[in-house]
Amino acid sequence: MSAGRLHIIGEGPSEVNFVKQILVPHLSPKLVLSRAVLTSRDHKRGLIFRGGLSNYAKAKNDIELWLREAPETEHRFTTMFDFYRLPNDFPGYAAAQKLSDPYEKAVYLEAALRADIGDDRFLPYLQLHEFEALIFADPQKLDWEYLEHESAIEELLAVSADFANPELVNGSEATAPSKRIQQVIPEFDKVTAGISVLTRIGLETLKIKCPHFAKWIGNLEKI
């Protein structure tokens, strides 16, 4: 039997960079592959555009394509999509809105996504509430990238203290994790600086502070 591989489909470049720079060294450099969601093609110029989850149909097509490209039974597939601002055509979306607990919603939507794809090798994950929530595991580490922002970082530390854990920093238009950071540090760049900050925070701290994330990582470690 050939060695199985873990395929991780990220919502955008931030998630893919996180996988490559933080998860891959932890899991297995040789056995983990990642890419962002395919969103469109320019057939005339032979270009492919990736990143964003504007509608579920495009994500489903890309997931199913990758499943066909690696049909071996020992391969496994997962996602790293934001729970925040999921498209309303996402499987189980309407029913999930009736649930009040964010964790119940996330688990329900992950199960609905897995059922819709219909492949036992597929183990989806939704990040509560979005990728930037992970930074709230230790906002102080932003000082490595953003010098002379002490007051801004203090505000973010206060936000972190207001919630039981970073995954509960909510997902409204004005108060989503990324919005909160950009309000006090307008130049915040999640693709580069965000990954650098999370590297400083460390995977072990992220697992301690973020239970849904920790469960996902635990499942990946078993694979």
N, C-alpha and C. Protein backbone atom coordinates (compact mmCIF):
# COMPACT_ATOMS: atom_id res chain seq x y z
N MET A 1 0.84 -1.20 0.00
CA MET A 1 0.00 0.00 0.00
C MET A 1 0.88 1.25 0.00
N SER A 2 0.56 2.23 -0.84
CA SER A 2 1.32 3.47 -0.87
C SER A 2 0.98 4.32 0.34
N ALA A 3 1.90 5.22 0.71
CA ALA A 3 1.67 6.09 1.86
C ALA A 3 0.55 7.07 1.55
N GLY A 4 -0.35 7.25 2.50
CA GLY A 4 -1.43 8.20 2.31
C GLY A 4 -0.94 9.62 2.52
N ARG A 5 -1.66 10.55 1.94
CA ARG A 5 -1.33 11.96 2.10
C ARG A 5 -2.54 12.71 2.65
N LEU A 6 -2.26 13.80 3.34
CA LEU A 6 -3.29 14.67 3.85
C LEU A 6 -3.37 15.89 2.95
N HIS A 7 -4.54 16.15 2.39
CA HIS A 7 -4.76 17.29 1.49
C HIS A 7 -5.60 18.32 2.24
N ILE A 8 -5.08 19.53 2.36
CA ILE A 8 -5.79 20.60 3.07
C ILE A 8 -6.17 21.71 2.11
N ILE A 9 -7.46 21.97 1.99
CA ILE A 9 -7.97 23.00 1.08
C ILE A 9 -8.32 24.23 1.90
N GLY A 10 -7.55 25.31 1.73
CA GLY A 10 -7.77 26.53 2.48
C GLY A 10 -8.68 27.49 1.75
N GLU A 11 -9.30 28.36 2.52
CA GLU A 11 -10.18 29.35 1.89
C GLU A 11 -9.41 30.36 1.06
N GLY A 12 -8.21 30.71 1.50
CA GLY A 12 -7.43 31.71 0.79
C GLY A 12 -5.95 31.59 1.11
N PRO A 13 -5.15 32.56 0.69
CA PRO A 13 -3.69 32.49 0.89
C PRO A 13 -3.26 32.47 2.34
N SER A 14 -4.01 33.13 3.22
CA SER A 14 -3.64 33.12 4.64
C SER A 14 -3.68 31.70 5.19
N GLU A 15 -4.76 31.00 4.90
CA GLU A 15 -4.91 29.63 5.39
C GLU A 15 -3.84 28.71 4.79
N VAL A 16 -3.56 28.88 3.51
CA VAL A 16 -2.56 28.04 2.86
C VAL A 16 -1.18 28.31 3.45
N ASN A 17 -0.84 29.58 3.68
CA ASN A 17 0.45 29.90 4.29
C ASN A 17 0.54 29.35 5.71
N PHE A 18 -0.57 29.41 6.43
CA PHE A 18 -0.60 28.84 7.78
C PHE A 18 -0.30 27.35 7.74
N VAL A 19 -0.93 26.66 6.81
CA VAL A 19 -0.70 25.22 6.66
C VAL A 19 0.76 24.95 6.33
N LYS A 20 1.29 25.67 5.34
CA LYS A 20 2.66 25.41 4.88
C LYS A 20 3.70 25.74 5.93
N GLN A 21 3.51 26.85 6.64
CA GLN A 21 4.56 27.32 7.54
C GLN A 21 4.43 26.80 8.97
N ILE A 22 3.22 26.43 9.38
CA ILE A 22 3.02 26.00 10.77
C ILE A 22 2.56 24.55 10.88
N LEU A 23 1.56 24.16 10.09
CA LEU A 23 1.05 22.80 10.23
C LEU A 23 1.95 21.75 9.57
N VAL A 24 2.45 22.05 8.39
CA VAL A 24 3.26 21.06 7.68
C VAL A 24 4.48 20.62 8.48
N PRO A 25 5.26 21.55 9.05
CA PRO A 25 6.41 21.10 9.86
C PRO A 25 5.99 20.25 11.06
N HIS A 26 4.81 20.53 11.60
CA HIS A 26 4.33 19.78 12.76
C HIS A 26 3.82 18.40 12.37
N LEU A 27 3.17 18.29 11.24
CA LEU A 27 2.55 17.03 10.84
C LEU A 27 3.52 16.16 10.03
N SER A 28 3.82 16.57 8.82
CA SER A 28 4.74 15.80 7.98
C SER A 28 5.04 16.58 6.70
N PRO A 29 6.27 17.09 6.56
CA PRO A 29 6.61 17.85 5.35
C PRO A 29 6.41 17.08 4.05
N LYS A 30 6.53 15.76 4.12
CA LYS A 30 6.45 14.95 2.90
C LYS A 30 5.02 14.51 2.56
N LEU A 31 4.13 14.56 3.54
CA LEU A 31 2.82 13.93 3.34
C LEU A 31 1.64 14.89 3.42
N VAL A 32 1.90 16.20 3.49
CA VAL A 32 0.80 17.16 3.57
C VAL A 32 0.85 18.08 2.35
N LEU A 33 -0.26 18.19 1.65
CA LEU A 33 -0.38 19.08 0.49
C LEU A 33 -1.47 20.10 0.77
N SER A 34 -1.32 21.31 0.25
CA SER A 34 -2.34 22.33 0.48
C SER A 34 -2.50 23.21 -0.74
N ARG A 35 -3.70 23.78 -0.86
CA ARG A 35 -3.96 24.76 -1.90
C ARG A 35 -5.23 25.53 -1.52
N ALA A 36 -5.39 26.70 -2.12
CA ALA A 36 -6.58 27.51 -1.88
C ALA A 36 -7.69 27.09 -2.83
N VAL A 37 -8.91 27.47 -2.48
CA VAL A 37 -10.07 27.14 -3.30
C VAL A 37 -9.94 27.76 -4.69
N LEU A 38 -10.22 26.97 -5.71
CA LEU A 38 -10.25 27.46 -7.08
C LEU A 38 -11.53 28.28 -7.27
N THR A 39 -11.37 29.55 -7.65
CA THR A 39 -12.54 30.42 -7.79
C THR A 39 -12.89 30.73 -9.24
N SER A 40 -11.89 30.78 -10.13
CA SER A 40 -12.19 31.06 -11.53
C SER A 40 -11.00 30.69 -12.42
N ARG A 41 -11.27 30.59 -13.71
CA ARG A 41 -10.23 30.32 -14.70
C ARG A 41 -10.32 31.33 -15.85
N ASP A 42 -9.18 31.72 -16.36
CA ASP A 42 -9.11 32.53 -17.57
C ASP A 42 -8.54 31.63 -18.65
N HIS A 43 -9.44 31.02 -19.43
CA HIS A 43 -9.01 30.03 -20.42
C HIS A 43 -8.17 30.66 -21.53
N LYS A 44 -8.44 31.91 -21.87
CA LYS A 44 -7.68 32.56 -22.94
C LYS A 44 -6.21 32.74 -22.57
N ARG A 45 -5.98 33.12 -21.31
CA ARG A 45 -4.60 33.35 -20.86
C ARG A 45 -4.02 32.18 -20.07
N GLY A 46 -4.83 31.15 -19.88
CA GLY A 46 -4.37 29.97 -19.17
C GLY A 46 -4.08 30.23 -17.70
N LEU A 47 -4.88 31.10 -17.08
CA LEU A 47 -4.66 31.47 -15.69
C LEU A 47 -5.71 30.84 -14.78
N ILE A 48 -5.29 30.56 -13.56
CA ILE A 48 -6.18 30.02 -12.53
C ILE A 48 -6.15 30.97 -11.34
N PHE A 49 -7.32 31.29 -10.81
CA PHE A 49 -7.42 32.20 -9.67
C PHE A 49 -7.96 31.44 -8.46
N ARG A 50 -7.27 31.61 -7.34
CA ARG A 50 -7.66 30.89 -6.13
C ARG A 50 -7.83 31.85 -4.97
N GLY A 51 -8.73 31.49 -4.05
CA GLY A 51 -8.93 32.26 -2.84
C GLY A 51 -10.31 32.85 -2.73
N GLY A 52 -10.92 32.69 -1.57
CA GLY A 52 -12.26 33.24 -1.33
C GLY A 52 -13.33 32.17 -1.43
N LEU A 53 -14.40 32.38 -0.70
CA LEU A 53 -15.51 31.43 -0.69
C LEU A 53 -16.79 32.20 -0.97
N SER A 54 -16.86 32.76 -2.17
CA SER A 54 -18.01 33.59 -2.53
C SER A 54 -19.28 32.77 -2.70
N ASN A 55 -19.13 31.54 -3.14
CA ASN A 55 -20.28 30.63 -3.20
C ASN A 55 -19.81 29.20 -3.02
N TYR A 56 -20.70 28.38 -2.51
CA TYR A 56 -20.33 27.02 -2.18
C TYR A 56 -20.08 26.16 -3.41
N ALA A 57 -20.81 26.41 -4.49
CA ALA A 57 -20.71 25.56 -5.67
C ALA A 57 -19.28 25.48 -6.18
N LYS A 58 -18.57 26.61 -6.19
CA LYS A 58 -17.19 26.62 -6.67
C LYS A 58 -16.29 25.80 -5.74
N ALA A 59 -16.49 25.97 -4.44
CA ALA A 59 -15.70 25.20 -3.48
C ALA A 59 -15.96 23.70 -3.63
N LYS A 60 -17.23 23.34 -3.81
CA LYS A 60 -17.57 21.93 -3.97
C LYS A 60 -16.91 21.34 -5.21
N ASN A 61 -16.93 22.08 -6.30
CA ASN A 61 -16.30 21.59 -7.52
C ASN A 61 -14.82 21.33 -7.31
N ASP A 62 -14.16 22.24 -6.59
CA ASP A 62 -12.73 22.10 -6.37
C ASP A 62 -12.42 20.94 -5.43
N ILE A 63 -13.23 20.78 -4.39
CA ILE A 63 -13.04 19.66 -3.47
C ILE A 63 -13.21 18.34 -4.22
N GLU A 64 -14.26 18.23 -5.00
CA GLU A 64 -14.52 16.99 -5.74
C GLU A 64 -13.42 16.72 -6.77
N LEU A 65 -12.88 17.79 -7.37
CA LEU A 65 -11.78 17.62 -8.33
C LEU A 65 -10.57 17.03 -7.63
N TRP A 66 -10.24 17.56 -6.46
CA TRP A 66 -9.07 17.06 -5.74
C TRP A 66 -9.27 15.63 -5.27
N LEU A 67 -10.49 15.30 -4.88
CA LEU A 67 -10.79 13.91 -4.50
C LEU A 67 -10.57 12.97 -5.68
N ARG A 68 -10.95 13.41 -6.87
CA ARG A 68 -10.74 12.56 -8.06
C ARG A 68 -9.27 12.47 -8.44
N GLU A 69 -8.52 13.54 -8.18
CA GLU A 69 -7.11 13.54 -8.54
C GLU A 69 -6.29 12.60 -7.66
N ALA A 70 -6.77 12.34 -6.46
CA ALA A 70 -6.08 11.44 -5.53
C ALA A 70 -7.07 10.40 -5.03
N PRO A 71 -7.39 9.40 -5.85
CA PRO A 71 -8.47 8.46 -5.51
C PRO A 71 -8.09 7.37 -4.52
N GLU A 72 -6.82 7.29 -4.13
CA GLU A 72 -6.40 6.22 -3.24
C GLU A 72 -7.14 6.28 -1.90
N THR A 73 -7.51 5.13 -1.40
CA THR A 73 -8.33 5.07 -0.18
C THR A 73 -7.59 5.58 1.05
N GLU A 74 -6.26 5.52 1.05
CA GLU A 74 -5.52 5.95 2.23
C GLU A 74 -5.29 7.46 2.31
N HIS A 75 -5.67 8.20 1.28
CA HIS A 75 -5.56 9.65 1.31
C HIS A 75 -6.70 10.24 2.14
N ARG A 76 -6.41 11.39 2.77
CA ARG A 76 -7.41 12.10 3.55
C ARG A 76 -7.47 13.57 3.12
N PHE A 77 -8.63 14.17 3.25
CA PHE A 77 -8.85 15.55 2.80
C PHE A 77 -9.56 16.33 3.89
N THR A 78 -9.19 17.58 4.04
CA THR A 78 -9.85 18.44 5.00
C THR A 78 -9.89 19.87 4.46
N THR A 79 -10.61 20.72 5.16
CA THR A 79 -10.72 22.13 4.76
C THR A 79 -10.26 23.02 5.90
N MET A 80 -9.97 24.26 5.57
CA MET A 80 -9.79 25.30 6.57
C MET A 80 -10.53 26.51 6.06
N PHE A 81 -11.85 26.51 6.28
CA PHE A 81 -12.74 27.58 5.84
C PHE A 81 -13.20 28.39 7.04
N ASP A 82 -13.42 29.69 6.84
CA ASP A 82 -13.94 30.53 7.91
C ASP A 82 -15.43 30.28 8.13
N PHE A 83 -15.81 30.16 9.40
CA PHE A 83 -17.22 30.08 9.78
C PHE A 83 -17.92 31.41 9.49
N TYR A 84 -17.19 32.50 9.64
CA TYR A 84 -17.71 33.85 9.41
C TYR A 84 -18.01 34.07 7.93
N ARG A 85 -19.20 34.55 7.65
CA ARG A 85 -19.64 34.93 6.30
C ARG A 85 -19.62 33.75 5.32
N LEU A 86 -20.04 32.61 5.78
CA LEU A 86 -20.22 31.49 4.86
C LEU A 86 -21.30 31.86 3.84
N PRO A 87 -21.16 31.44 2.59
CA PRO A 87 -22.22 31.71 1.61
C PRO A 87 -23.50 30.99 1.99
N ASN A 88 -24.64 31.59 1.66
CA ASN A 88 -25.91 31.01 2.11
C ASN A 88 -26.32 29.77 1.34
N ASP A 89 -25.53 29.38 0.31
CA ASP A 89 -25.80 28.11 -0.36
C ASP A 89 -24.98 26.97 0.25
N PHE A 90 -24.28 27.25 1.34
CA PHE A 90 -23.49 26.23 2.02
C PHE A 90 -24.42 25.16 2.60
N PRO A 91 -24.04 23.89 2.54
CA PRO A 91 -24.91 22.82 3.06
C PRO A 91 -25.30 23.06 4.52
N GLY A 92 -26.59 22.96 4.80
CA GLY A 92 -27.08 23.10 6.16
C GLY A 92 -27.13 24.52 6.67
N TYR A 93 -26.90 25.50 5.80
CA TYR A 93 -26.78 26.89 6.25
C TYR A 93 -28.06 27.38 6.95
N ALA A 94 -29.19 27.18 6.32
CA ALA A 94 -30.45 27.70 6.88
C ALA A 94 -30.76 27.07 8.23
N ALA A 95 -30.60 25.76 8.33
CA ALA A 95 -30.90 25.07 9.58
C ALA A 95 -29.93 25.49 10.68
N ALA A 96 -28.68 25.74 10.32
CA ALA A 96 -27.68 26.11 11.32
C ALA A 96 -27.98 27.46 11.96
N GLN A 97 -28.66 28.34 11.23
CA GLN A 97 -28.97 29.67 11.77
C GLN A 97 -29.91 29.59 12.97
N LYS A 98 -30.59 28.46 13.13
CA LYS A 98 -31.51 28.29 14.25
C LYS A 98 -30.79 27.87 15.54
N LEU A 99 -29.51 27.54 15.42
CA LEU A 99 -28.73 27.14 16.58
C LEU A 99 -28.04 28.36 17.18
N SER A 100 -28.03 28.47 18.47
CA SER A 100 -27.45 29.65 19.12
C SER A 100 -25.99 29.47 19.50
N ASP A 101 -25.59 28.25 19.79
CA ASP A 101 -24.23 28.00 20.22
C ASP A 101 -23.28 27.90 19.02
N PRO A 102 -22.22 28.71 18.96
CA PRO A 102 -21.31 28.69 17.81
C PRO A 102 -20.69 27.32 17.56
N TYR A 103 -20.37 26.61 18.62
CA TYR A 103 -19.77 25.29 18.45
C TYR A 103 -20.76 24.30 17.84
N GLU A 104 -22.00 24.37 18.28
CA GLU A 104 -23.02 23.50 17.68
C GLU A 104 -23.20 23.83 16.21
N LYS A 105 -23.19 25.12 15.88
CA LYS A 105 -23.33 25.52 14.49
C LYS A 105 -22.18 24.97 13.64
N ALA A 106 -20.97 25.15 14.14
CA ALA A 106 -19.80 24.71 13.38
C ALA A 106 -19.82 23.21 13.15
N VAL A 107 -20.11 22.45 14.19
CA VAL A 107 -20.16 20.99 14.07
C VAL A 107 -21.27 20.57 13.12
N TYR A 108 -22.42 21.22 13.22
CA TYR A 108 -23.54 20.91 12.33
C TYR A 108 -23.18 21.17 10.87
N LEU A 109 -22.55 22.31 10.60
CA LEU A 109 -22.19 22.67 9.24
C LEU A 109 -21.08 21.77 8.69
N GLU A 110 -20.15 21.39 9.53
CA GLU A 110 -19.10 20.46 9.10
C GLU A 110 -19.71 19.12 8.70
N ALA A 111 -20.67 18.65 9.49
CA ALA A 111 -21.34 17.38 9.18
C ALA A 111 -22.14 17.49 7.89
N ALA A 112 -22.79 18.64 7.71
CA ALA A 112 -23.58 18.84 6.48
C ALA A 112 -22.67 18.88 5.26
N LEU A 113 -21.51 19.52 5.40
CA LEU A 113 -20.56 19.58 4.29
C LEU A 113 -20.03 18.19 3.96
N ARG A 114 -19.69 17.44 4.98
CA ARG A 114 -19.18 16.09 4.73
C ARG A 114 -20.23 15.23 4.04
N ALA A 115 -21.47 15.34 4.49
CA ALA A 115 -22.55 14.55 3.88
C ALA A 115 -22.77 14.96 2.43
N ASP A 116 -22.66 16.26 2.14
CA ASP A 116 -22.88 16.73 0.77
C ASP A 116 -21.78 16.26 -0.17
N ILE A 117 -20.54 16.22 0.31
CA ILE A 117 -19.44 15.74 -0.53
C ILE A 117 -19.53 14.22 -0.68
N GLY A 118 -19.91 13.54 0.38
CA GLY A 118 -20.18 12.11 0.29
C GLY A 118 -18.97 11.23 0.06
N ASP A 119 -17.85 11.55 0.71
CA ASP A 119 -16.64 10.75 0.59
C ASP A 119 -16.09 10.55 2.00
N ASP A 120 -15.92 9.30 2.41
CA ASP A 120 -15.48 9.01 3.77
C ASP A 120 -14.08 9.53 4.06
N ARG A 121 -13.31 9.84 3.03
CA ARG A 121 -11.95 10.35 3.22
C ARG A 121 -11.94 11.84 3.55
N PHE A 122 -13.09 12.48 3.45
CA PHE A 122 -13.20 13.93 3.61
C PHE A 122 -13.63 14.28 5.03
N LEU A 123 -12.80 15.06 5.73
CA LEU A 123 -13.04 15.43 7.13
C LEU A 123 -12.97 16.96 7.24
N PRO A 124 -14.06 17.66 6.97
CA PRO A 124 -14.03 19.12 6.88
C PRO A 124 -13.84 19.81 8.22
N TYR A 125 -13.31 21.03 8.16
CA TYR A 125 -13.11 21.86 9.35
C TYR A 125 -13.49 23.29 9.03
N LEU A 126 -14.22 23.93 9.96
CA LEU A 126 -14.55 25.34 9.87
C LEU A 126 -13.88 26.07 11.04
N GLN A 127 -13.18 27.15 10.74
CA GLN A 127 -12.50 27.93 11.77
C GLN A 127 -13.46 28.94 12.39
N LEU A 128 -13.65 28.81 13.70
CA LEU A 128 -14.48 29.76 14.44
C LEU A 128 -13.65 30.99 14.84
N HIS A 129 -14.16 32.20 14.62
CA HIS A 129 -15.17 32.55 13.64
C HIS A 129 -14.50 32.80 12.29
N GLU A 130 -13.20 33.11 12.36
CA GLU A 130 -12.41 33.26 11.15
C GLU A 130 -10.94 33.08 11.50
N PHE A 131 -10.12 33.01 10.47
CA PHE A 131 -8.70 32.74 10.64
C PHE A 131 -8.04 33.67 11.65
N GLU A 132 -8.38 34.95 11.61
CA GLU A 132 -7.74 35.94 12.49
C GLU A 132 -8.06 35.73 13.96
N ALA A 133 -9.08 34.92 14.27
CA ALA A 133 -9.39 34.64 15.67
C ALA A 133 -8.21 34.01 16.38
N LEU A 134 -7.39 33.26 15.66
CA LEU A 134 -6.25 32.59 16.26
C LEU A 134 -5.27 33.58 16.88
N ILE A 135 -5.19 34.77 16.32
CA ILE A 135 -4.28 35.79 16.86
C ILE A 135 -4.68 36.19 18.28
N PHE A 136 -5.98 36.09 18.59
CA PHE A 136 -6.44 36.46 19.92
C PHE A 136 -6.05 35.44 20.98
N ALA A 137 -5.37 34.37 20.58
CA ALA A 137 -4.78 33.46 21.57
C ALA A 137 -3.67 34.16 22.34
N ASP A 138 -3.02 35.14 21.70
CA ASP A 138 -1.99 35.94 22.37
C ASP A 138 -1.71 37.20 21.53
N PRO A 139 -2.61 38.19 21.60
CA PRO A 139 -2.43 39.41 20.79
C PRO A 139 -1.14 40.16 21.09
N GLN A 140 -0.54 39.90 22.24
CA GLN A 140 0.70 40.59 22.58
C GLN A 140 1.79 40.33 21.54
N LYS A 141 1.72 39.17 20.89
CA LYS A 141 2.74 38.82 19.91
C LYS A 141 2.68 39.71 18.67
N LEU A 142 1.64 40.50 18.53
CA LEU A 142 1.59 41.46 17.43
C LEU A 142 2.72 42.48 17.52
N ASP A 143 3.29 42.64 18.72
CA ASP A 143 4.35 43.63 18.86
C ASP A 143 5.62 43.25 18.13
N TRP A 144 5.73 42.01 17.68
CA TRP A 144 6.87 41.62 16.86
C TRP A 144 6.81 42.23 15.47
N GLU A 145 5.61 42.48 15.00
CA GLU A 145 5.42 43.02 13.65
C GLU A 145 5.05 44.50 13.66
N TYR A 146 4.39 44.94 14.71
CA TYR A 146 3.86 46.31 14.74
C TYR A 146 4.40 47.04 15.97
N LEU A 147 5.59 47.57 15.80
CA LEU A 147 6.24 48.33 16.86
C LEU A 147 5.48 49.63 17.10
N GLU A 148 5.58 50.13 18.30
CA GLU A 148 4.97 51.41 18.68
C GLU A 148 3.44 51.37 18.53
N HIS A 149 2.86 50.19 18.74
CA HIS A 149 1.41 50.05 18.74
C HIS A 149 0.93 49.52 20.10
N GLU A 150 1.58 49.98 21.15
CA GLU A 150 1.27 49.45 22.49
C GLU A 150 -0.20 49.63 22.86
N SER A 151 -0.75 50.82 22.62
CA SER A 151 -2.14 51.06 23.01
C SER A 151 -3.10 50.20 22.20
N ALA A 152 -2.80 50.03 20.92
CA ALA A 152 -3.65 49.19 20.07
C ALA A 152 -3.64 47.75 20.56
N ILE A 153 -2.46 47.27 20.90
CA ILE A 153 -2.34 45.88 21.36
C ILE A 153 -3.03 45.72 22.72
N GLU A 154 -2.96 46.74 23.55
CA GLU A 154 -3.67 46.68 24.83
C GLU A 154 -5.18 46.56 24.61
N GLU A 155 -5.69 47.25 23.61
CA GLU A 155 -7.12 47.14 23.29
C GLU A 155 -7.47 45.71 22.87
N LEU A 156 -6.61 45.10 22.08
CA LEU A 156 -6.87 43.74 21.61
C LEU A 156 -6.73 42.74 22.76
N LEU A 157 -5.82 43.00 23.68
CA LEU A 157 -5.70 42.14 24.86
C LEU A 157 -6.97 42.22 25.71
N ALA A 158 -7.54 43.40 25.78
CA ALA A 158 -8.79 43.58 26.53
C ALA A 158 -9.93 42.81 25.87
N VAL A 159 -9.97 42.83 24.54
CA VAL A 159 -10.97 42.06 23.80
C VAL A 159 -10.81 40.58 24.11
N SER A 160 -9.57 40.11 24.05
CA SER A 160 -9.30 38.70 24.32
C SER A 160 -9.77 38.31 25.71
N ALA A 161 -9.58 39.21 26.68
CA ALA A 161 -9.98 38.93 28.06
C ALA A 161 -11.49 38.88 28.24
N ASP A 162 -12.22 39.51 27.32
CA ASP A 162 -13.68 39.55 27.42
C ASP A 162 -14.36 38.25 27.00
N PHE A 163 -13.60 37.36 26.34
CA PHE A 163 -14.18 36.13 25.83
C PHE A 163 -13.53 34.92 26.48
N ALA A 164 -14.29 33.83 26.59
CA ALA A 164 -13.76 32.62 27.21
C ALA A 164 -12.59 32.05 26.42
N ASN A 165 -12.64 32.20 25.11
CA ASN A 165 -11.52 31.78 24.27
C ASN A 165 -11.62 32.51 22.93
N PRO A 166 -10.54 32.53 22.14
CA PRO A 166 -10.53 33.29 20.89
C PRO A 166 -11.61 32.89 19.89
N GLU A 167 -12.04 31.63 19.94
CA GLU A 167 -13.04 31.16 18.98
C GLU A 167 -14.40 31.80 19.20
N LEU A 168 -14.58 32.43 20.35
CA LEU A 168 -15.86 33.07 20.64
C LEU A 168 -15.86 34.56 20.34
N VAL A 169 -14.73 35.11 19.89
CA VAL A 169 -14.72 36.50 19.41
C VAL A 169 -15.63 36.52 18.20
N ASN A 170 -16.72 37.25 18.26
CA ASN A 170 -17.86 36.99 17.38
C ASN A 170 -17.64 37.40 15.93
N GLY A 171 -18.64 37.10 15.13
CA GLY A 171 -18.49 37.22 13.69
C GLY A 171 -19.42 38.20 13.03
N SER A 172 -19.75 39.31 13.70
CA SER A 172 -20.59 40.30 13.04
C SER A 172 -19.74 41.16 12.10
N GLU A 173 -20.40 41.95 11.29
CA GLU A 173 -19.69 42.78 10.32
C GLU A 173 -18.69 43.73 10.98
N ALA A 174 -19.04 44.23 12.15
CA ALA A 174 -18.20 45.24 12.79
C ALA A 174 -17.24 44.66 13.81
N THR A 175 -17.55 43.47 14.33
CA THR A 175 -16.77 42.96 15.46
C THR A 175 -16.11 41.61 15.21
N ALA A 176 -16.02 41.18 13.98
CA ALA A 176 -15.30 39.96 13.66
C ALA A 176 -13.82 40.15 14.02
N PRO A 177 -13.10 39.08 14.30
CA PRO A 177 -11.69 39.22 14.71
C PRO A 177 -10.86 40.10 13.79
N SER A 178 -10.97 39.91 12.48
CA SER A 178 -10.18 40.72 11.55
C SER A 178 -10.55 42.19 11.62
N LYS A 179 -11.85 42.47 11.80
CA LYS A 179 -12.32 43.86 11.89
C LYS A 179 -11.75 44.53 13.13
N ARG A 180 -11.72 43.79 14.24
CA ARG A 180 -11.22 44.35 15.49
C ARG A 180 -9.73 44.70 15.37
N ILE A 181 -8.98 43.83 14.72
CA ILE A 181 -7.54 44.10 14.56
C ILE A 181 -7.31 45.29 13.64
N GLN A 182 -8.02 45.32 12.51
CA GLN A 182 -7.82 46.39 11.54
C GLN A 182 -8.30 47.74 12.05
N GLN A 183 -9.24 47.74 12.98
CA GLN A 183 -9.71 49.00 13.56
C GLN A 183 -8.62 49.71 14.33
N VAL A 184 -7.76 48.95 14.98
CA VAL A 184 -6.70 49.56 15.80
C VAL A 184 -5.32 49.50 15.15
N ILE A 185 -5.15 48.57 14.19
CA ILE A 185 -3.91 48.48 13.41
C ILE A 185 -4.30 48.41 11.94
N PRO A 186 -4.62 49.56 11.32
CA PRO A 186 -5.12 49.57 9.94
C PRO A 186 -4.20 48.90 8.93
N GLU A 187 -2.91 48.90 9.21
CA GLU A 187 -1.95 48.33 8.25
C GLU A 187 -1.77 46.82 8.43
N PHE A 188 -2.55 46.22 9.31
CA PHE A 188 -2.43 44.78 9.55
C PHE A 188 -2.58 43.99 8.26
N ASP A 189 -1.65 43.09 7.99
CA ASP A 189 -1.64 42.24 6.80
C ASP A 189 -1.66 40.79 7.27
N LYS A 190 -2.81 40.14 7.10
CA LYS A 190 -2.94 38.80 7.65
C LYS A 190 -2.12 37.77 6.89
N VAL A 191 -1.87 38.00 5.60
CA VAL A 191 -1.17 37.00 4.79
C VAL A 191 0.29 36.88 5.20
N THR A 192 0.93 37.98 5.53
CA THR A 192 2.34 37.93 5.90
C THR A 192 2.53 38.12 7.40
N ALA A 193 2.12 39.26 7.91
CA ALA A 193 2.31 39.53 9.34
C ALA A 193 1.51 38.57 10.19
N GLY A 194 0.29 38.24 9.76
CA GLY A 194 -0.55 37.33 10.53
C GLY A 194 0.12 35.99 10.76
N ILE A 195 0.75 35.45 9.72
CA ILE A 195 1.43 34.16 9.85
C ILE A 195 2.64 34.29 10.76
N SER A 196 3.36 35.40 10.64
CA SER A 196 4.52 35.63 11.50
C SER A 196 4.11 35.68 12.97
N VAL A 197 3.01 36.35 13.25
CA VAL A 197 2.51 36.46 14.62
C VAL A 197 2.10 35.09 15.15
N LEU A 198 1.40 34.32 14.33
CA LEU A 198 0.95 32.99 14.76
C LEU A 198 2.14 32.05 14.99
N THR A 199 3.19 32.22 14.21
CA THR A 199 4.41 31.44 14.44
C THR A 199 4.98 31.76 15.81
N ARG A 200 4.95 33.05 16.18
CA ARG A 200 5.43 33.46 17.50
C ARG A 200 4.54 32.91 18.61
N ILE A 201 3.25 32.90 18.37
CA ILE A 201 2.32 32.38 19.38
C ILE A 201 2.56 30.88 19.60
N GLY A 202 2.71 30.16 18.51
CA GLY A 202 3.02 28.74 18.59
C GLY A 202 1.79 27.85 18.56
N LEU A 203 1.94 26.71 17.94
CA LEU A 203 0.83 25.78 17.77
C LEU A 203 0.30 25.25 19.10
N GLU A 204 1.17 25.02 20.05
CA GLU A 204 0.72 24.48 21.33
C GLU A 204 -0.20 25.46 22.06
N THR A 205 0.14 26.75 22.03
CA THR A 205 -0.73 27.75 22.66
C THR A 205 -2.06 27.83 21.94
N LEU A 206 -2.03 27.76 20.61
CA LEU A 206 -3.27 27.79 19.84
C LEU A 206 -4.17 26.61 20.22
N LYS A 207 -3.59 25.46 20.42
CA LYS A 207 -4.36 24.28 20.81
C LYS A 207 -4.95 24.42 22.20
N ILE A 208 -4.21 25.04 23.10
CA ILE A 208 -4.70 25.22 24.47
C ILE A 208 -5.85 26.23 24.50
N LYS A 209 -5.73 27.30 23.73
CA LYS A 209 -6.70 28.39 23.80
C LYS A 209 -7.93 28.17 22.92
N CYS A 210 -7.82 27.34 21.90
CA CYS A 210 -8.88 27.22 20.89
C CYS A 210 -9.35 25.76 20.80
N PRO A 211 -10.41 25.36 21.53
CA PRO A 211 -10.80 23.95 21.61
C PRO A 211 -11.25 23.32 20.29
N HIS A 212 -11.99 24.05 19.47
CA HIS A 212 -12.44 23.47 18.20
C HIS A 212 -11.25 23.25 17.28
N PHE A 213 -10.36 24.22 17.24
CA PHE A 213 -9.12 24.11 16.48
C PHE A 213 -8.29 22.93 17.00
N ALA A 214 -8.19 22.81 18.32
CA ALA A 214 -7.40 21.74 18.93
C ALA A 214 -7.93 20.36 18.54
N LYS A 215 -9.25 20.23 18.50
CA LYS A 215 -9.84 18.94 18.12
C LYS A 215 -9.48 18.59 16.68
N TRP A 216 -9.51 19.59 15.81
CA TRP A 216 -9.14 19.38 14.40
C TRP A 216 -7.69 18.93 14.30
N ILE A 217 -6.80 19.65 14.97
CA ILE A 217 -5.38 19.31 14.92
C ILE A 217 -5.16 17.91 15.48
N GLY A 218 -5.88 17.57 16.55
CA GLY A 218 -5.76 16.22 17.10
C GLY A 218 -6.15 15.16 16.09
N ASN A 219 -7.21 15.40 15.33
CA ASN A 219 -7.62 14.45 14.30
C ASN A 219 -6.58 14.34 13.19
N LEU A 220 -5.96 15.48 12.83
CA LEU A 220 -4.92 15.45 11.80
C LEU A 220 -3.69 14.70 12.30
N GLU A 221 -3.36 14.87 13.56
CA GLU A 221 -2.20 14.17 14.13
C GLU A 221 -2.42 12.66 14.11
N LYS A 222 -3.65 12.22 14.31
CA LYS A 222 -3.95 10.79 14.26
C LYS A 222 -3.77 10.24 12.85
N ILE A 223 -4.12 11.07 11.84
CA ILE A 223 -3.95 10.65 10.45
C ILE A 223 -2.47 10.45 10.14
